[in-house]
C-alpha atoms as a PDB file:
ATOM      1  CA  PHE A   1     103.296 106.920  91.649  1.00  0.00           C
ATOM      2  CA  MET A   2     102.306 104.202  94.163  1.00  0.00           C
ATOM      3  CA  ALA A   3      98.717 104.026  92.865  1.00  0.00           C
ATOM      4  CA  ALA A   4      99.967 103.480  89.301  1.00  0.00           C
ATOM      5  CA  THR A   5     102.437 100.821  90.453  1.00  0.00           C
ATOM      6  CA  ILE A   6      99.788  98.967  92.454  1.00  0.00           C
ATOM      7  CA  GLN A   7      97.329  99.142  89.555  1.00  0.00           C
ATOM      8  CA  GLN A   8      99.971  97.392  87.431  1.00  0.00           C
ATOM      9  CA  ASP A   9     100.859  94.867  90.156  1.00  0.00           C
ATOM     10  CA  PRO A  10      98.345  94.619  93.030  1.00  0.00           C
ATOM     11  CA  SER A  11     100.765  92.555  95.131  1.00  0.00           C
ATOM     12  CA  ALA A  12     102.952  95.681  95.369  1.00  0.00           C
ATOM     13  CA  LEU A  13     100.539  96.890  98.056  1.00  0.00           C
ATOM     14  CA  SER A  14     101.967  94.165 100.306  1.00  0.00           C
ATOM     15  CA  PHE A  15     105.392  95.805 100.021  1.00  0.00           C
ATOM     16  CA  ALA A  16     104.234  99.420 100.279  1.00  0.00           C
ATOM     17  CA  ALA A  17     104.106 101.413 103.486  1.00  0.00           C
ATOM     18  CA  PRO A  18     101.653  99.627 105.811  1.00  0.00           C
ATOM     19  CA  ALA A  19      99.591 102.807 106.103  1.00  0.00           C
ATOM     20  CA  LEU A  20      98.645 102.537 102.401  1.00  0.00           C
ATOM     21  CA  GLY A  21      97.115  99.099 102.940  1.00  0.00           C
ATOM     22  CA  ARG A  22      94.967 100.588 105.710  1.00  0.00           C
ATOM     23  CA  ASP A  23      93.977 103.741 103.821  1.00  0.00           C
ATOM     24  CA  ARG A  24      90.331 103.205 102.828  1.00  0.00           C
ATOM     25  CA  GLU A  25      90.209 105.947 100.203  1.00  0.00           C
ATOM     26  CA  PHE A  26      93.504 104.961  98.595  1.00  0.00           C
ATOM     27  CA  VAL A  27      92.547 101.288  98.340  1.00  0.00           C
ATOM     28  CA  LEU A  28      89.080 102.053  96.953  1.00  0.00           C
ATOM     29  CA  THR A  29      90.573 104.436  94.373  1.00  0.00           C
ATOM     30  CA  VAL A  30      93.043 101.806  93.184  1.00  0.00           C
ATOM     31  CA  ALA A  31      90.329  99.114  93.227  1.00  0.00           C
ATOM     32  CA  LYS A  32      88.239 101.071  90.723  1.00  0.00           C
ATOM     33  CA  VAL A  33      90.898 100.186  88.160  1.00  0.00           C
ATOM     34  CA  CYS A  34      92.227  96.969  89.676  1.00  0.00           C
ATOM     35  CA  PRO A  35      89.894  95.039  92.036  1.00  0.00           C
ATOM     36  CA  ALA A  36      92.640  92.436  92.534  1.00  0.00           C
ATOM     37  CA  VAL A  37      94.161  94.865  95.046  1.00  0.00           C
ATOM     38  CA  PHE A  38      91.570  93.647  97.577  1.00  0.00           C
ATOM     39  CA  GLU A  39      93.637  90.495  98.081  1.00  0.00           C
ATOM     40  CA  HIS A  40      96.477  92.603  99.508  1.00  0.00           C
ATOM     41  CA  VAL A  41      94.588  94.980 101.809  1.00  0.00           C
ATOM     42  CA  ASP A  42      95.416  95.180 105.503  1.00  0.00           C
ATOM     43  CA  LEU A  43      93.167  92.897 107.573  1.00  0.00           C
ATOM     44  CA  GLU A  44      92.085  95.871 109.664  1.00  0.00           C
ATOM     45  CA  LEU A  45      90.048  97.252 106.746  1.00  0.00           C
ATOM     46  CA  TRP A  46      88.105  94.016 106.379  1.00  0.00           C
ATOM     47  CA  SER A  47      86.490  94.708 109.772  1.00  0.00           C
ATOM     48  CA  ASP A  48      85.359  98.180 108.659  1.00  0.00           C
ATOM     49  CA  ARG A  49      81.672  98.105 107.642  1.00  0.00           C
ATOM     50  CA  ALA A  50      81.902 101.119 105.353  1.00  0.00           C
ATOM     51  CA  PHE A  51      84.961  99.731 103.575  1.00  0.00           C
ATOM     52  CA  VAL A  52      83.461  96.261 103.085  1.00  0.00           C
ATOM     53  CA  ALA A  53      80.202  97.753 101.809  1.00  0.00           C
ATOM     54  CA  ALA A  54      82.055  99.966  99.311  1.00  0.00           C
ATOM     55  CA  ALA A  55      84.436  97.189  98.273  1.00  0.00           C
ATOM     56  CA  SER A  56      81.654  94.655  97.738  1.00  0.00           C
ATOM     57  CA  ALA A  57      79.729  97.203  95.676  1.00  0.00           C
ATOM     58  CA  MET A  58      82.753  97.328  93.355  1.00  0.00           C
ATOM     59  CA  ASP A  59      83.459  93.602  93.360  1.00  0.00           C
ATOM     60  CA  GLU A  60      81.140  91.080  95.000  1.00  0.00           C
ATOM     61  CA  GLU A  61      84.043  88.744  95.680  1.00  0.00           C
ATOM     62  CA  ALA A  62      85.390  91.325  98.127  1.00  0.00           C
ATOM     63  CA  LEU A  63      82.784  90.098 100.613  1.00  0.00           C
ATOM     64  CA  THR A  64      84.762  86.864 100.954  1.00  0.00           C
ATOM     65  CA  PHE A  65      87.638  88.872 102.485  1.00  0.00           C
ATOM     66  CA  ALA A  66      85.433  90.487 105.160  1.00  0.00           C
ATOM     67  CA  SER A  67      86.183  89.650 108.769  1.00  0.00           C
ATOM     68  CA  PRO A  68      84.305  86.647 110.171  1.00  0.00           C
ATOM     69  CA  ALA A  69      82.352  88.994 112.441  1.00  0.00           C
ATOM     70  CA  LEU A  70      81.063  90.976 109.454  1.00  0.00           C
ATOM     71  CA  GLN A  71      80.380  87.844 107.409  1.00  0.00           C
ATOM     72  CA  ASP A  72      78.184  86.590 110.261  1.00  0.00           C
ATOM     73  CA  ASP A  73      76.470  89.947 110.853  1.00  0.00           C
ATOM     74  CA  ARG A  74      72.917  89.219 109.714  1.00  0.00           C
ATOM     75  CA  GLU A  75      71.771  92.847 109.374  1.00  0.00           C
ATOM     76  CA  PHE A  76      74.892  93.981 107.538  1.00  0.00           C
ATOM     77  CA  ILE A  77      74.789  91.079 105.084  1.00  0.00           C
ATOM     78  CA  LEU A  78      71.031  91.471 104.617  1.00  0.00           C
ATOM     79  CA  ALA A  79      71.528  95.099 103.574  1.00  0.00           C
ATOM     80  CA  LEU A  80      74.275  94.146 101.106  1.00  0.00           C
ATOM     81  CA  VAL A  81      72.262  91.349  99.513  1.00  0.00           C
ATOM     82  CA  LYS A  82      69.165  93.536  99.230  1.00  0.00           C
ATOM     83  CA  ARG A  83      71.270  96.064  97.353  1.00  0.00           C
ATOM     84  CA  ALA A  84      72.809  93.390  95.097  1.00  0.00           C
ATOM     85  CA  PRO A  85      70.901  90.081  95.179  1.00  0.00           C
ATOM     86  CA  SER A  86      73.598  88.265  93.212  1.00  0.00           C
ATOM     87  CA  MET A  87      75.831  88.729  96.251  1.00  0.00           C
ATOM     88  CA  LEU A  88      73.896  85.944  97.979  1.00  0.00           C
ATOM     89  CA  ARG A  89      76.330  83.443  96.462  1.00  0.00           C
ATOM     90  CA  ARG A  90      79.174  85.134  98.389  1.00  0.00           C
ATOM     91  CA  VAL A  91      77.384  84.975 101.752  1.00  0.00           C
ATOM     92  CA  CYS A  92      78.659  82.472 104.307  1.00  0.00           C
ATOM     93  CA  SER A  93      76.785  79.177 104.265  1.00  0.00           C
ATOM     94  CA  GLN A  94      75.504  79.737 107.806  1.00  0.00           C
ATOM     95  CA  LEU A  95      73.366  82.649 106.548  1.00  0.00           C
ATOM     96  CA  ARG A  96      72.795  81.381 103.014  1.00  0.00           C
ATOM     97  CA  PHE A  97      70.958  78.357 104.398  1.00  0.00           C
ATOM     98  CA  ASP A  98      69.272  80.158 107.294  1.00  0.00           C
ATOM     99  CA  TYR A  99      65.517  80.084 106.743  1.00  0.00           C
ATOM    100  CA  LYS A 100      64.839  83.259 108.751  1.00  0.00           C
ATOM    101  CA  PHE A 101      67.577  85.167 106.910  1.00  0.00           C
ATOM    102  CA  LEU A 102      66.155  84.134 103.528  1.00  0.00           C
ATOM    103  CA  LEU A 103      62.635  84.970 104.642  1.00  0.00           C
ATOM    104  CA  ASP A 104      63.779  88.426 105.793  1.00  0.00           C
ATOM    105  CA  LEU A 105      65.470  88.868 102.436  1.00  0.00           C
ATOM    106  CA  VAL A 106      62.327  88.272 100.386  1.00  0.00           C
ATOM    107  CA  ARG A 107      59.897  90.056 102.720  1.00  0.00           C
ATOM    108  CA  GLU A 108      60.990  93.597 102.031  1.00  0.00           C
END
């Protein structure tokens, strides 16, 4: 019932039991139908590498919700952009304009 409600209105996740907003599998299942749910996910999940990788594979914009630590994590971001080069436009400007980062990106 909750998944169907949230698919209809992603903001409903904000009013659901807090555990649902932290449940990686639940959020990713709902996001398959309604990526807008990412805007209402518990901040804790945005520090989870596996969640951010899965979320950004579904919707590149999800990377913009990642914790600052993950957004600045050169190796993590490099792996994501290698998997989906178009994601480069979602990368923080610090890395997007970093010569070494860009060189590492095209080397492999």
